[in-house]
Amino acid sequence: METFIKDNIAKINPHLAKEYGIKDSIILMYIIESIKYFKKNNKNQYDGKTWLPHTYEDFHNEFPFISKYKISEILYRLCNGKKRKSKSQDLEFKPILVKDKFNEHPFDTRSWYAFDDENKWLSY
């Protein structure tokens, strides 16, 4: 899979940035693009969903300007939904990702992420 960031430019969707915040939307766009790639190539298909296997370190390697701790917070919010305060308002987040493990080896620490409504999210 080709790298998500080309020429040091990450994709930002203004609608998602307004709804979820800049860093959350950057991670979200990365997941959208990755899952589109896997779906197109019929990879990582389990339980009727297309999955992205990643560790926090994998995300951090793609986005070194976002700390691993912040990445863990973002993924927690996207998987669990959470009321979050922004500087201007409270935003209610419903879960949009599901998380599972499909690793073949016990030492594999990757978590697998998929959208709860894949068709909706892959339209971005």
PDB file of N, CA and C in Angstrom:
ATOM      1  N   MET A   1       0.845  -1.178   0.000  1.00  0.00           N
ATOM      2  CA  MET A   1       0.000   0.000   0.000  1.00  0.00           C
ATOM      3  C   MET A   1       0.879   1.225   0.000  1.00  0.00           C
ATOM      4  N   GLU A   2       0.563   2.202  -0.832  1.00  0.00           N
ATOM      5  CA  GLU A   2       1.377   3.402  -0.848  1.00  0.00           C
ATOM      6  C   GLU A   2       1.100   4.236   0.392  1.00  0.00           C
ATOM      7  N   THR A   3       2.075   5.052   0.744  1.00  0.00           N
ATOM      8  CA  THR A   3       1.938   5.838   1.963  1.00  0.00           C
ATOM      9  C   THR A   3       0.806   6.844   1.826  1.00  0.00           C
ATOM     10  N   PHE A   4       0.164   7.137   2.926  1.00  0.00           N
ATOM     11  CA  PHE A   4      -0.978   8.045   2.948  1.00  0.00           C
ATOM     12  C   PHE A   4      -0.538   9.491   2.752  1.00  0.00           C
ATOM     13  N   ILE A   5       0.581   9.844   3.330  1.00  0.00           N
ATOM     14  CA  ILE A   5       1.073  11.214   3.223  1.00  0.00           C
ATOM     15  C   ILE A   5       2.006  11.306   2.029  1.00  0.00           C
ATOM     16  N   LYS A   6       1.680  12.164   1.081  1.00  0.00           N
ATOM     17  CA  LYS A   6       2.539  12.402  -0.071  1.00  0.00           C
ATOM     18  C   LYS A   6       3.041  13.832   0.022  1.00  0.00           C
ATOM     19  N   ASP A   7       4.336  14.009  -0.149  1.00  0.00           N
ATOM     20  CA  ASP A   7       4.937  15.340  -0.084  1.00  0.00           C
ATOM     21  C   ASP A   7       4.591  16.042   1.224  1.00  0.00           C
ATOM     22  N   ASN A   8       4.526  15.274   2.304  1.00  0.00           N
ATOM     23  CA  ASN A   8       4.245  15.802   3.641  1.00  0.00           C
ATOM     24  C   ASN A   8       2.892  16.489   3.745  1.00  0.00           C
ATOM     25  N   ILE A   9       1.916  16.058   2.965  1.00  0.00           N
ATOM     26  CA  ILE A   9       0.579  16.626   3.029  1.00  0.00           C
ATOM     27  C   ILE A   9      -0.398  15.518   3.411  1.00  0.00           C
ATOM     28  N   ALA A  10      -1.100  15.694   4.523  1.00  0.00           N
ATOM     29  CA  ALA A  10      -2.119  14.743   4.948  1.00  0.00           C
ATOM     30  C   ALA A  10      -3.471  15.220   4.430  1.00  0.00           C
ATOM     31  N   LYS A  11      -4.353  14.280   4.099  1.00  0.00           N
ATOM     32  CA  LYS A  11      -5.685  14.641   3.623  1.00  0.00           C
ATOM     33  C   LYS A  11      -6.554  15.088   4.792  1.00  0.00           C
ATOM     34  N   ILE A  12      -7.226  16.201   4.593  1.00  0.00           N
ATOM     35  CA  ILE A  12      -8.170  16.702   5.593  1.00  0.00           C
ATOM     36  C   ILE A  12      -9.491  16.972   4.891  1.00  0.00           C
ATOM     37  N   ASN A  13     -10.554  16.417   5.419  1.00  0.00           N
ATOM     38  CA  ASN A  13     -11.890  16.668   4.917  1.00  0.00           C
ATOM     39  C   ASN A  13     -12.502  17.747   5.811  1.00  0.00           C
ATOM     40  N   PRO A  14     -12.854  18.917   5.262  1.00  0.00           N
ATOM     41  CA  PRO A  14     -13.367  20.018   6.092  1.00  0.00           C
ATOM     42  C   PRO A  14     -14.598  19.642   6.911  1.00  0.00           C
ATOM     43  N   HIS A  15     -15.496  18.844   6.324  1.00  0.00           N
ATOM     44  CA  HIS A  15     -16.692  18.426   7.063  1.00  0.00           C
ATOM     45  C   HIS A  15     -16.316  17.582   8.282  1.00  0.00           C
ATOM     46  N   LEU A  16     -15.421  16.617   8.070  1.00  0.00           N
ATOM     47  CA  LEU A  16     -14.993  15.764   9.191  1.00  0.00           C
ATOM     48  C   LEU A  16     -14.203  16.560  10.219  1.00  0.00           C
ATOM     49  N   ALA A  17     -13.386  17.503   9.753  1.00  0.00           N
ATOM     50  CA  ALA A  17     -12.600  18.329  10.678  1.00  0.00           C
ATOM     51  C   ALA A  17     -13.520  19.155  11.570  1.00  0.00           C
ATOM     52  N   LYS A  18     -14.581  19.688  10.995  1.00  0.00           N
ATOM     53  CA  LYS A  18     -15.533  20.472  11.789  1.00  0.00           C
ATOM     54  C   LYS A  18     -16.266  19.585  12.792  1.00  0.00           C
ATOM     55  N   GLU A  19     -16.631  18.403  12.350  1.00  0.00           N
ATOM     56  CA  GLU A  19     -17.404  17.486  13.197  1.00  0.00           C
ATOM     57  C   GLU A  19     -16.560  16.816  14.287  1.00  0.00           C
ATOM     58  N   TYR A  20     -15.320  16.389  13.939  1.00  0.00           N
ATOM     59  CA  TYR A  20     -14.530  15.572  14.855  1.00  0.00           C
ATOM     60  C   TYR A  20     -13.248  16.227  15.334  1.00  0.00           C
ATOM     61  N   GLY A  21     -12.858  17.338  14.736  1.00  0.00           N
ATOM     62  CA  GLY A  21     -11.592  17.972  15.083  1.00  0.00           C
ATOM     63  C   GLY A  21     -10.522  17.607  14.057  1.00  0.00           C
ATOM     64  N   ILE A  22      -9.491  18.423  13.980  1.00  0.00           N
ATOM     65  CA  ILE A  22      -8.452  18.247  12.952  1.00  0.00           C
ATOM     66  C   ILE A  22      -7.741  16.903  13.078  1.00  0.00           C
ATOM     67  N   LYS A  23      -7.172  16.613  14.251  1.00  0.00           N
ATOM     68  CA  LYS A  23      -6.386  15.382  14.393  1.00  0.00           C
ATOM     69  C   LYS A  23      -7.253  14.141  14.222  1.00  0.00           C
ATOM     70  N   ASP A  24      -8.456  14.170  14.786  1.00  0.00           N
ATOM     71  CA  ASP A  24      -9.365  13.032  14.627  1.00  0.00           C
ATOM     72  C   ASP A  24      -9.684  12.817  13.152  1.00  0.00           C
ATOM     73  N   SER A  25      -9.926  13.923  12.427  1.00  0.00           N
ATOM     74  CA  SER A  25     -10.295  13.795  11.016  1.00  0.00           C
ATOM     75  C   SER A  25      -9.127  13.303  10.167  1.00  0.00           C
ATOM     76  N   ILE A  26      -7.905  13.654  10.540  1.00  0.00           N
ATOM     77  CA  ILE A  26      -6.732  13.146   9.816  1.00  0.00           C
ATOM     78  C   ILE A  26      -6.638  11.624   9.960  1.00  0.00           C
ATOM     79  N   ILE A  27      -6.789  11.139  11.195  1.00  0.00           N
ATOM     80  CA  ILE A  27      -6.766   9.689  11.443  1.00  0.00           C
ATOM     81  C   ILE A  27      -7.936   9.022  10.717  1.00  0.00           C
ATOM     82  N   LEU A  28      -9.092   9.643  10.785  1.00  0.00           N
ATOM     83  CA  LEU A  28     -10.287   9.095  10.150  1.00  0.00           C
ATOM     84  C   LEU A  28     -10.114   8.999   8.634  1.00  0.00           C
ATOM     85  N   MET A  29      -9.577  10.031   8.000  1.00  0.00           N
ATOM     86  CA  MET A  29      -9.342   9.988   6.556  1.00  0.00           C
ATOM     87  C   MET A  29      -8.326   8.899   6.194  1.00  0.00           C
ATOM     88  N   TYR A  30      -7.321   8.716   7.030  1.00  0.00           N
ATOM     89  CA  TYR A  30      -6.344   7.655   6.801  1.00  0.00           C
ATOM     90  C   TYR A  30      -7.032   6.278   6.837  1.00  0.00           C
ATOM     91  N   ILE A  31      -7.903   6.081   7.819  1.00  0.00           N
ATOM     92  CA  ILE A  31      -8.616   4.810   7.937  1.00  0.00           C
ATOM     93  C   ILE A  31      -9.539   4.615   6.729  1.00  0.00           C
ATOM     94  N   ILE A  32     -10.230   5.673   6.315  1.00  0.00           N
ATOM     95  CA  ILE A  32     -11.106   5.593   5.146  1.00  0.00           C
ATOM     96  C   ILE A  32     -10.312   5.177   3.912  1.00  0.00           C
ATOM     97  N   GLU A  33      -9.199   5.856   3.652  1.00  0.00           N
ATOM     98  CA  GLU A  33      -8.390   5.550   2.467  1.00  0.00           C
ATOM     99  C   GLU A  33      -7.799   4.141   2.536  1.00  0.00           C
ATOM    100  N   SER A  34      -7.368   3.727   3.717  1.00  0.00           N
ATOM    101  CA  SER A  34      -6.796   2.390   3.884  1.00  0.00           C
ATOM    102  C   SER A  34      -7.840   1.307   3.641  1.00  0.00           C
ATOM    103  N   ILE A  35      -9.012   1.493   4.199  1.00  0.00           N
ATOM    104  CA  ILE A  35     -10.066   0.495   4.034  1.00  0.00           C
ATOM    105  C   ILE A  35     -10.545   0.454   2.580  1.00  0.00           C
ATOM    106  N   LYS A  36     -10.600   1.602   1.917  1.00  0.00           N
ATOM    107  CA  LYS A  36     -10.933   1.605   0.485  1.00  0.00           C
ATOM    108  C   LYS A  36      -9.920   0.756  -0.291  1.00  0.00           C
ATOM    109  N   TYR A  37      -8.645   0.908   0.039  1.00  0.00           N
ATOM    110  CA  TYR A  37      -7.588   0.141  -0.627  1.00  0.00           C
ATOM    111  C   TYR A  37      -7.778  -1.356  -0.384  1.00  0.00           C
ATOM    112  N   PHE A  38      -7.992  -1.737   0.892  1.00  0.00           N
ATOM    113  CA  PHE A  38      -8.158  -3.154   1.213  1.00  0.00           C
ATOM    114  C   PHE A  38      -9.415  -3.727   0.567  1.00  0.00           C
ATOM    115  N   LYS A  39     -10.489  -2.951   0.559  1.00  0.00           N
ATOM    116  CA  LYS A  39     -11.728  -3.430  -0.046  1.00  0.00           C
ATOM    117  C   LYS A  39     -11.539  -3.639  -1.550  1.00  0.00           C
ATOM    118  N   LYS A  40     -10.909  -2.692  -2.209  1.00  0.00           N
ATOM    119  CA  LYS A  40     -10.658  -2.792  -3.654  1.00  0.00           C
ATOM    120  C   LYS A  40      -9.833  -4.032  -3.985  1.00  0.00           C
ATOM    121  N   ASN A  41      -8.908  -4.396  -3.099  1.00  0.00           N
ATOM    122  CA  ASN A  41      -8.013  -5.533  -3.324  1.00  0.00           C
ATOM    123  C   ASN A  41      -8.459  -6.797  -2.598  1.00  0.00           C
ATOM    124  N   ASN A  42      -9.681  -6.796  -2.085  1.00  0.00           N
ATOM    125  CA  ASN A  42     -10.259  -7.952  -1.383  1.00  0.00           C
ATOM    126  C   ASN A  42      -9.340  -8.490  -0.291  1.00  0.00           C
ATOM    127  N   LYS A  43      -8.802  -7.596   0.521  1.00  0.00           N
ATOM    128  CA  LYS A  43      -7.936  -7.985   1.636  1.00  0.00           C
ATOM    129  C   LYS A  43      -8.608  -7.618   2.956  1.00  0.00           C
ATOM    130  N   ASN A  44      -8.213  -8.342   3.997  1.00  0.00           N
ATOM    131  CA  ASN A  44      -8.660  -8.055   5.370  1.00  0.00           C
ATOM    132  C   ASN A  44     -10.185  -8.037   5.488  1.00  0.00           C
ATOM    133  N   GLN A  45     -10.830  -9.027   4.902  1.00  0.00           N
ATOM    134  CA  GLN A  45     -12.281  -9.150   4.945  1.00  0.00           C
ATOM    135  C   GLN A  45     -12.657 -10.194   6.006  1.00  0.00           C
ATOM    136  N   TYR A  46     -13.331  -9.748   7.050  1.00  0.00           N
ATOM    137  CA  TYR A  46     -13.803 -10.636   8.108  1.00  0.00           C
ATOM    138  C   TYR A  46     -15.160 -10.143   8.586  1.00  0.00           C
ATOM    139  N   ASP A  47     -16.035 -11.066   8.897  1.00  0.00           N
ATOM    140  CA  ASP A  47     -17.344 -10.742   9.476  1.00  0.00           C
ATOM    141  C   ASP A  47     -18.113  -9.706   8.654  1.00  0.00           C
ATOM    142  N   GLY A  48     -17.967  -9.742   7.332  1.00  0.00           N
ATOM    143  CA  GLY A  48     -18.701  -8.828   6.474  1.00  0.00           C
ATOM    144  C   GLY A  48     -18.188  -7.404   6.462  1.00  0.00           C
ATOM    145  N   LYS A  49     -16.996  -7.191   7.008  1.00  0.00           N
ATOM    146  CA  LYS A  49     -16.403  -5.855   7.053  1.00  0.00           C
ATOM    147  C   LYS A  49     -14.986  -5.901   6.483  1.00  0.00           C
ATOM    148  N   THR A  50     -14.486  -4.739   6.110  1.00  0.00           N
ATOM    149  CA  THR A  50     -13.101  -4.594   5.679  1.00  0.00           C
ATOM    150  C   THR A  50     -12.342  -3.942   6.822  1.00  0.00           C
ATOM    151  N   TRP A  51     -11.197  -4.500   7.191  1.00  0.00           N
ATOM    152  CA  TRP A  51     -10.485  -4.103   8.410  1.00  0.00           C
ATOM    153  C   TRP A  51      -9.103  -3.531   8.109  1.00  0.00           C
ATOM    154  N   LEU A  52      -8.686  -2.608   8.968  1.00  0.00           N
ATOM    155  CA  LEU A  52      -7.337  -2.052   8.943  1.00  0.00           C
ATOM    156  C   LEU A  52      -6.597  -2.543  10.182  1.00  0.00           C
ATOM    157  N   PRO A  53      -5.560  -3.391  10.028  1.00  0.00           N
ATOM    158  CA  PRO A  53      -4.774  -3.835  11.181  1.00  0.00           C
ATOM    159  C   PRO A  53      -3.645  -2.837  11.448  1.00  0.00           C
ATOM    160  N   HIS A  54      -3.619  -2.262  12.645  1.00  0.00           N
ATOM    161  CA  HIS A  54      -2.606  -1.254  12.980  1.00  0.00           C
ATOM    162  C   HIS A  54      -2.354  -1.222  14.482  1.00  0.00           C
ATOM    163  N   THR A  55      -1.137  -0.852  14.825  1.00  0.00           N
ATOM    164  CA  THR A  55      -0.802  -0.525  16.214  1.00  0.00           C
ATOM    165  C   THR A  55      -0.764   0.995  16.331  1.00  0.00           C
ATOM    166  N   TYR A  56      -0.688   1.486  17.557  1.00  0.00           N
ATOM    167  CA  TYR A  56      -0.517   2.934  17.753  1.00  0.00           C
ATOM    168  C   TYR A  56       0.782   3.386  17.097  1.00  0.00           C
ATOM    169  N   GLU A  57       1.791   2.542  17.161  1.00  0.00           N
ATOM    170  CA  GLU A  57       3.088   2.847  16.534  1.00  0.00           C
ATOM    171  C   GLU A  57       2.942   3.002  15.016  1.00  0.00           C
ATOM    172  N   ASP A  58       2.136   2.147  14.395  1.00  0.00           N
ATOM    173  CA  ASP A  58       1.898   2.255  12.948  1.00  0.00           C
ATOM    174  C   ASP A  58       1.269   3.607  12.602  1.00  0.00           C
ATOM    175  N   PHE A  59       0.266   4.002  13.373  1.00  0.00           N
ATOM    176  CA  PHE A  59      -0.367   5.303  13.140  1.00  0.00           C
ATOM    177  C   PHE A  59       0.649   6.427  13.366  1.00  0.00           C
ATOM    178  N   HIS A  60       1.431   6.300  14.423  1.00  0.00           N
ATOM    179  CA  HIS A  60       2.424   7.335  14.741  1.00  0.00           C
ATOM    180  C   HIS A  60       3.484   7.445  13.641  1.00  0.00           C
ATOM    181  N   ASN A  61       3.856   6.341  13.028  1.00  0.00           N
ATOM    182  CA  ASN A  61       4.814   6.374  11.917  1.00  0.00           C
ATOM    183  C   ASN A  61       4.240   7.144  10.722  1.00  0.00           C
ATOM    184  N   GLU A  62       2.947   7.030  10.491  1.00  0.00           N
ATOM    185  CA  GLU A  62       2.302   7.786   9.416  1.00  0.00           C
ATOM    186  C   GLU A  62       2.149   9.264   9.784  1.00  0.00           C
ATOM    187  N   PHE A  63       1.901   9.513  11.062  1.00  0.00           N
ATOM    188  CA  PHE A  63       1.630  10.874  11.535  1.00  0.00           C
ATOM    189  C   PHE A  63       2.517  11.193  12.737  1.00  0.00           C
ATOM    190  N   PRO A  64       3.801  11.440  12.504  1.00  0.00           N
ATOM    191  CA  PRO A  64       4.729  11.677  13.619  1.00  0.00           C
ATOM    192  C   PRO A  64       4.416  12.948  14.408  1.00  0.00           C
ATOM    193  N   PHE A  65       3.569  13.809  13.875  1.00  0.00           N
ATOM    194  CA  PHE A  65       3.180  15.030  14.574  1.00  0.00           C
ATOM    195  C   PHE A  65       2.031  14.810  15.554  1.00  0.00           C
ATOM    196  N   ILE A  66       1.510  13.563  15.613  1.00  0.00           N
ATOM    197  CA  ILE A  66       0.485  13.198  16.592  1.00  0.00           C
ATOM    198  C   ILE A  66       1.097  12.152  17.518  1.00  0.00           C
ATOM    199  N   SER A  67       1.093  12.426  18.817  1.00  0.00           N
ATOM    200  CA  SER A  67       1.715  11.500  19.778  1.00  0.00           C
ATOM    201  C   SER A  67       0.935  10.183  19.834  1.00  0.00           C
ATOM    202  N   LYS A  68       1.628   9.128  20.261  1.00  0.00           N
ATOM    203  CA  LYS A  68       0.975   7.826  20.413  1.00  0.00           C
ATOM    204  C   LYS A  68      -0.152   7.909  21.435  1.00  0.00           C
ATOM    205  N   TYR A  69       0.058   8.701  22.484  1.00  0.00           N
ATOM    206  CA  TYR A  69      -0.988   8.863  23.493  1.00  0.00           C
ATOM    207  C   TYR A  69      -2.228   9.513  22.877  1.00  0.00           C
ATOM    208  N   LYS A  70      -2.026  10.566  22.087  1.00  0.00           N
ATOM    209  CA  LYS A  70      -3.150  11.249  21.443  1.00  0.00           C
ATOM    210  C   LYS A  70      -3.835  10.322  20.441  1.00  0.00           C
ATOM    211  N   ILE A  71      -3.061   9.528  19.723  1.00  0.00           N
ATOM    212  CA  ILE A  71      -3.634   8.549  18.796  1.00  0.00           C
ATOM    213  C   ILE A  71      -4.516   7.560  19.549  1.00  0.00           C
ATOM    214  N   SER A  72      -4.056   7.095  20.705  1.00  0.00           N
ATOM    215  CA  SER A  72      -4.869   6.161  21.494  1.00  0.00           C
ATOM    216  C   SER A  72      -6.171   6.818  21.945  1.00  0.00           C
ATOM    217  N   GLU A  73      -6.117   8.092  22.328  1.00  0.00           N
ATOM    218  CA  GLU A  73      -7.334   8.819  22.716  1.00  0.00           C
ATOM    219  C   GLU A  73      -8.303   8.944  21.539  1.00  0.00           C
ATOM    220  N   ILE A  74      -7.768   9.293  20.375  1.00  0.00           N
ATOM    221  CA  ILE A  74      -8.601   9.460  19.180  1.00  0.00           C
ATOM    222  C   ILE A  74      -9.289   8.145  18.832  1.00  0.00           C
ATOM    223  N   LEU A  75      -8.528   7.060  18.805  1.00  0.00           N
ATOM    224  CA  LEU A  75      -9.110   5.763  18.454  1.00  0.00           C
ATOM    225  C   LEU A  75     -10.130   5.309  19.497  1.00  0.00           C
ATOM    226  N   TYR A  76      -9.865   5.610  20.754  1.00  0.00           N
ATOM    227  CA  TYR A  76     -10.836   5.280  21.806  1.00  0.00           C
ATOM    228  C   TYR A  76     -12.155   6.004  21.535  1.00  0.00           C
ATOM    229  N   ARG A  77     -12.071   7.300  21.238  1.00  0.00           N
ATOM    230  CA  ARG A  77     -13.286   8.081  20.955  1.00  0.00           C
ATOM    231  C   ARG A  77     -14.029   7.543  19.735  1.00  0.00           C
ATOM    232  N   LEU A  78     -13.281   7.243  18.670  1.00  0.00           N
ATOM    233  CA  LEU A  78     -13.922   6.780  17.445  1.00  0.00           C
ATOM    234  C   LEU A  78     -14.554   5.402  17.609  1.00  0.00           C
ATOM    235  N   CYS A  79     -13.984   4.573  18.492  1.00  0.00           N
ATOM    236  CA  CYS A  79     -14.515   3.226  18.725  1.00  0.00           C
ATOM    237  C   CYS A  79     -15.623   3.183  19.774  1.00  0.00           C
ATOM    238  N   ASN A  80     -15.556   4.074  20.735  1.00  0.00           N
ATOM    239  CA  ASN A  80     -16.481   3.994  21.864  1.00  0.00           C
ATOM    240  C   ASN A  80     -17.495   5.119  21.916  1.00  0.00           C
ATOM    241  N   GLY A  81     -17.256   6.173  21.167  1.00  0.00           N
ATOM    242  CA  GLY A  81     -18.116   7.332  21.282  1.00  0.00           C
ATOM    243  C   GLY A  81     -17.865   8.003  22.617  1.00  0.00           C
ATOM    244  N   LYS A  82     -17.916   9.280  22.637  1.00  0.00           N
ATOM    245  CA  LYS A  82     -17.636   9.966  23.895  1.00  0.00           C
ATOM    246  C   LYS A  82     -18.009  11.427  23.744  1.00  0.00           C
ATOM    247  N   LYS A  83     -18.519  11.974  24.805  1.00  0.00           N
ATOM    248  CA  LYS A  83     -18.768  13.405  24.808  1.00  0.00           C
ATOM    249  C   LYS A  83     -17.421  14.088  24.977  1.00  0.00           C
ATOM    250  N   ARG A  84     -17.125  15.017  24.103  1.00  0.00           N
ATOM    251  CA  ARG A  84     -15.828  15.672  24.112  1.00  0.00           C
ATOM    252  C   ARG A  84     -16.032  17.165  24.079  1.00  0.00           C
ATOM    253  N   LYS A  85     -15.250  17.889  24.853  1.00  0.00           N
ATOM    254  CA  LYS A  85     -15.357  19.343  24.861  1.00  0.00           C
ATOM    255  C   LYS A  85     -14.353  19.926  23.882  1.00  0.00           C
ATOM    256  N   SER A  86     -14.852  20.807  23.035  1.00  0.00           N
ATOM    257  CA  SER A  86     -13.964  21.596  22.195  1.00  0.00           C
ATOM    258  C   SER A  86     -13.931  22.993  22.800  1.00  0.00           C
ATOM    259  N   LYS A  87     -13.161  23.872  22.233  1.00  0.00           N
ATOM    260  CA  LYS A  87     -13.063  25.217  22.784  1.00  0.00           C
ATOM    261  C   LYS A  87     -14.379  25.968  22.669  1.00  0.00           C
ATOM    262  N   SER A  88     -15.193  25.639  21.665  1.00  0.00           N
ATOM    263  CA  SER A  88     -16.405  26.411  21.441  1.00  0.00           C
ATOM    264  C   SER A  88     -17.696  25.685  21.818  1.00  0.00           C
ATOM    265  N   GLN A  89     -17.664  24.366  21.890  1.00  0.00           N
ATOM    266  CA  GLN A  89     -18.907  23.651  22.154  1.00  0.00           C
ATOM    267  C   GLN A  89     -18.637  22.214  22.575  1.00  0.00           C
ATOM    268  N   ASP A  90     -19.669  21.581  23.103  1.00  0.00           N
ATOM    269  CA  ASP A  90     -19.594  20.153  23.383  1.00  0.00           C
ATOM    270  C   ASP A  90     -20.019  19.403  22.139  1.00  0.00           C
ATOM    271  N   LEU A  91     -19.287  18.357  21.800  1.00  0.00           N
ATOM    272  CA  LEU A  91     -19.634  17.539  20.647  1.00  0.00           C
ATOM    273  C   LEU A  91     -19.965  16.143  21.135  1.00  0.00           C
ATOM    274  N   GLU A  92     -21.047  15.592  20.667  1.00  0.00           N
ATOM    275  CA  GLU A  92     -21.420  14.232  21.028  1.00  0.00           C
ATOM    276  C   GLU A  92     -20.943  13.289  19.932  1.00  0.00           C
ATOM    277  N   PHE A  93     -20.107  12.350  20.292  1.00  0.00           N
ATOM    278  CA  PHE A  93     -19.585  11.382  19.336  1.00  0.00           C
ATOM    279  C   PHE A  93     -20.258  10.042  19.558  1.00  0.00           C
ATOM    280  N   LYS A  94     -20.830   9.517  18.514  1.00  0.00           N
ATOM    281  CA  LYS A  94     -21.323   8.147  18.561  1.00  0.00           C
ATOM    282  C   LYS A  94     -20.203   7.265  18.033  1.00  0.00           C
ATOM    283  N   PRO A  95     -20.133   6.018  18.457  1.00  0.00           N
ATOM    284  CA  PRO A  95     -19.091   5.130  17.913  1.00  0.00           C
ATOM    285  C   PRO A  95     -19.237   4.988  16.400  1.00  0.00           C
ATOM    286  N   ILE A  96     -18.113   5.121  15.699  1.00  0.00           N
ATOM    287  CA  ILE A  96     -18.146   4.942  14.247  1.00  0.00           C
ATOM    288  C   ILE A  96     -17.222   3.812  13.802  1.00  0.00           C
ATOM    289  N   LEU A  97     -16.326   3.392  14.694  1.00  0.00           N
ATOM    290  CA  LEU A  97     -15.423   2.281  14.390  1.00  0.00           C
ATOM    291  C   LEU A  97     -15.699   1.121  15.326  1.00  0.00           C
ATOM    292  N   VAL A  98     -15.414  -0.071  14.847  1.00  0.00           N
ATOM    293  CA  VAL A  98     -15.391  -1.253  15.704  1.00  0.00           C
ATOM    294  C   VAL A  98     -13.953  -1.760  15.724  1.00  0.00           C
ATOM    295  N   LYS A  99     -13.598  -2.407  16.807  1.00  0.00           N
ATOM    296  CA  LYS A  99     -12.226  -2.872  17.011  1.00  0.00           C
ATOM    297  C   LYS A  99     -12.263  -4.352  17.343  1.00  0.00           C
ATOM    298  N   ASP A 100     -11.324  -5.110  16.777  1.00  0.00           N
ATOM    299  CA  ASP A 100     -11.259  -6.544  17.034  1.00  0.00           C
ATOM    300  C   ASP A 100      -9.827  -7.009  16.846  1.00  0.00           C
ATOM    301  N   LYS A 101      -9.595  -8.294  17.018  1.00  0.00           N
ATOM    302  CA  LYS A 101      -8.275  -8.898  16.790  1.00  0.00           C
ATOM    303  C   LYS A 101      -8.462 -10.119  15.901  1.00  0.00           C
ATOM    304  N   PHE A 102      -7.753 -10.138  14.790  1.00  0.00           N
ATOM    305  CA  PHE A 102      -7.756 -11.289  13.887  1.00  0.00           C
ATOM    306  C   PHE A 102      -6.319 -11.774  13.663  1.00  0.00           C
ATOM    307  N   ASN A 103      -5.469 -11.548  14.638  1.00  0.00           N
ATOM    308  CA  ASN A 103      -4.046 -11.864  14.505  1.00  0.00           C
ATOM    309  C   ASN A 103      -3.817 -13.367  14.581  1.00  0.00           C
ATOM    310  N   GLU A 104      -2.903 -13.842  13.754  1.00  0.00           N
ATOM    311  CA  GLU A 104      -2.595 -15.265  13.719  1.00  0.00           C
ATOM    312  C   GLU A 104      -1.634 -15.677  14.829  1.00  0.00           C
ATOM    313  N   HIS A 105      -0.830 -14.741  15.308  1.00  0.00           N
ATOM    314  CA  HIS A 105       0.172 -15.056  16.315  1.00  0.00           C
ATOM    315  C   HIS A 105      -0.095 -14.269  17.596  1.00  0.00           C
ATOM    316  N   PRO A 106       0.112 -14.886  18.748  1.00  0.00           N
ATOM    317  CA  PRO A 106      -0.159 -14.200  20.017  1.00  0.00           C
ATOM    318  C   PRO A 106       0.736 -12.986  20.257  1.00  0.00           C
ATOM    319  N   PHE A 107       1.909 -12.935  19.629  1.00  0.00           N
ATOM    320  CA  PHE A 107       2.807 -11.803  19.832  1.00  0.00           C
ATOM    321  C   PHE A 107       2.451 -10.618  18.933  1.00  0.00           C
ATOM    322  N   ASP A 108       1.504 -10.799  18.030  1.00  0.00           N
ATOM    323  CA  ASP A 108       1.060  -9.728  17.142  1.00  0.00           C
ATOM    324  C   ASP A 108       0.132  -8.806  17.942  1.00  0.00           C
ATOM    325  N   THR A 109       0.533  -7.560  18.118  1.00  0.00           N
ATOM    326  CA  THR A 109      -0.211  -6.636  18.989  1.00  0.00           C
ATOM    327  C   THR A 109      -1.147  -5.706  18.220  1.00  0.00           C
ATOM    328  N   ARG A 110      -1.292  -5.938  16.924  1.00  0.00           N
ATOM    329  CA  ARG A 110      -2.154  -5.050  16.147  1.00  0.00           C
ATOM    330  C   ARG A 110      -3.620  -5.217  16.543  1.00  0.00           C
ATOM    331  N   SER A 111      -4.308  -4.090  16.567  1.00  0.00           N
ATOM    332  CA  SER A 111      -5.763  -4.099  16.658  1.00  0.00           C
ATOM    333  C   SER A 111      -6.294  -3.883  15.249  1.00  0.00           C
ATOM    334  N   TRP A 112      -7.468  -4.398  14.994  1.00  0.00           N
ATOM    335  CA  TRP A 112      -8.073  -4.288  13.677  1.00  0.00           C
ATOM    336  C   TRP A 112      -9.279  -3.360  13.781  1.00  0.00           C
ATOM    337  N   TYR A 113      -9.344  -2.384  12.883  1.00  0.00           N
ATOM    338  CA  TYR A 113     -10.390  -1.363  12.925  1.00  0.00           C
ATOM    339  C   TYR A 113     -11.233  -1.437  11.657  1.00  0.00           C
ATOM    340  N   ALA A 114     -12.552  -1.323  11.823  1.00  0.00           N
ATOM    341  CA  ALA A 114     -13.494  -1.300  10.698  1.00  0.00           C
ATOM    342  C   ALA A 114     -14.600  -0.306  11.040  1.00  0.00           C
ATOM    343  N   PHE A 115     -15.308   0.141  10.027  1.00  0.00           N
ATOM    344  CA  PHE A 115     -16.423   1.060  10.249  1.00  0.00           C
ATOM    345  C   PHE A 115     -17.676   0.287  10.609  1.00  0.00           C
ATOM    346  N   ASP A 116     -18.469   0.863  11.503  1.00  0.00           N
ATOM    347  CA  ASP A 116     -19.747   0.249  11.840  1.00  0.00           C
ATOM    348  C   ASP A 116     -20.683   0.277  10.632  1.00  0.00           C
ATOM    349  N   ASP A 117     -20.596   1.330   9.810  1.00  0.00           N
ATOM    350  CA  ASP A 117     -21.386   1.474   8.590  1.00  0.00           C
ATOM    351  C   ASP A 117     -20.409   1.778   7.444  1.00  0.00           C
ATOM    352  N   GLU A 118     -19.831   0.728   6.884  1.00  0.00           N
ATOM    353  CA  GLU A 118     -18.780   0.878   5.892  1.00  0.00           C
ATOM    354  C   GLU A 118     -19.208   1.693   4.677  1.00  0.00           C
ATOM    355  N   ASN A 119     -20.402   1.449   4.176  1.00  0.00           N
ATOM    356  CA  ASN A 119     -20.865   2.159   2.970  1.00  0.00           C
ATOM    357  C   ASN A 119     -20.934   3.667   3.201  1.00  0.00           C
ATOM    358  N   LYS A 120     -21.402   4.074   4.352  1.00  0.00           N
ATOM    359  CA  LYS A 120     -21.492   5.501   4.669  1.00  0.00           C
ATOM    360  C   LYS A 120     -20.098   6.136   4.666  1.00  0.00           C
ATOM    361  N   TRP A 121     -19.171   5.514   5.362  1.00  0.00           N
ATOM    362  CA  TRP A 121     -17.855   6.122   5.560  1.00  0.00           C
ATOM    363  C   TRP A 121     -16.967   6.042   4.329  1.00  0.00           C
ATOM    364  N   LEU A 122     -17.162   5.049   3.490  1.00  0.00           N
ATOM    365  CA  LEU A 122     -16.330   4.953   2.292  1.00  0.00           C
ATOM    366  C   LEU A 122     -16.793   5.895   1.188  1.00  0.00           C
ATOM    367  N   SER A 123     -17.879   6.604   1.424  1.00  0.00           N
ATOM    368  CA  SER A 123     -18.339   7.596   0.449  1.00  0.00           C
ATOM    369  C   SER A 123     -17.571   8.918   0.561  1.00  0.00           C
ATOM    370  N   TYR A 124     -16.735   9.057   1.606  1.00  0.00           N
ATOM    371  CA  TYR A 124     -15.955  10.292   1.758  1.00  0.00           C
ATOM    372  C   TYR A 124     -14.777  10.282   0.821  1.00  0.00           C
TER     373      TYR A 124
END
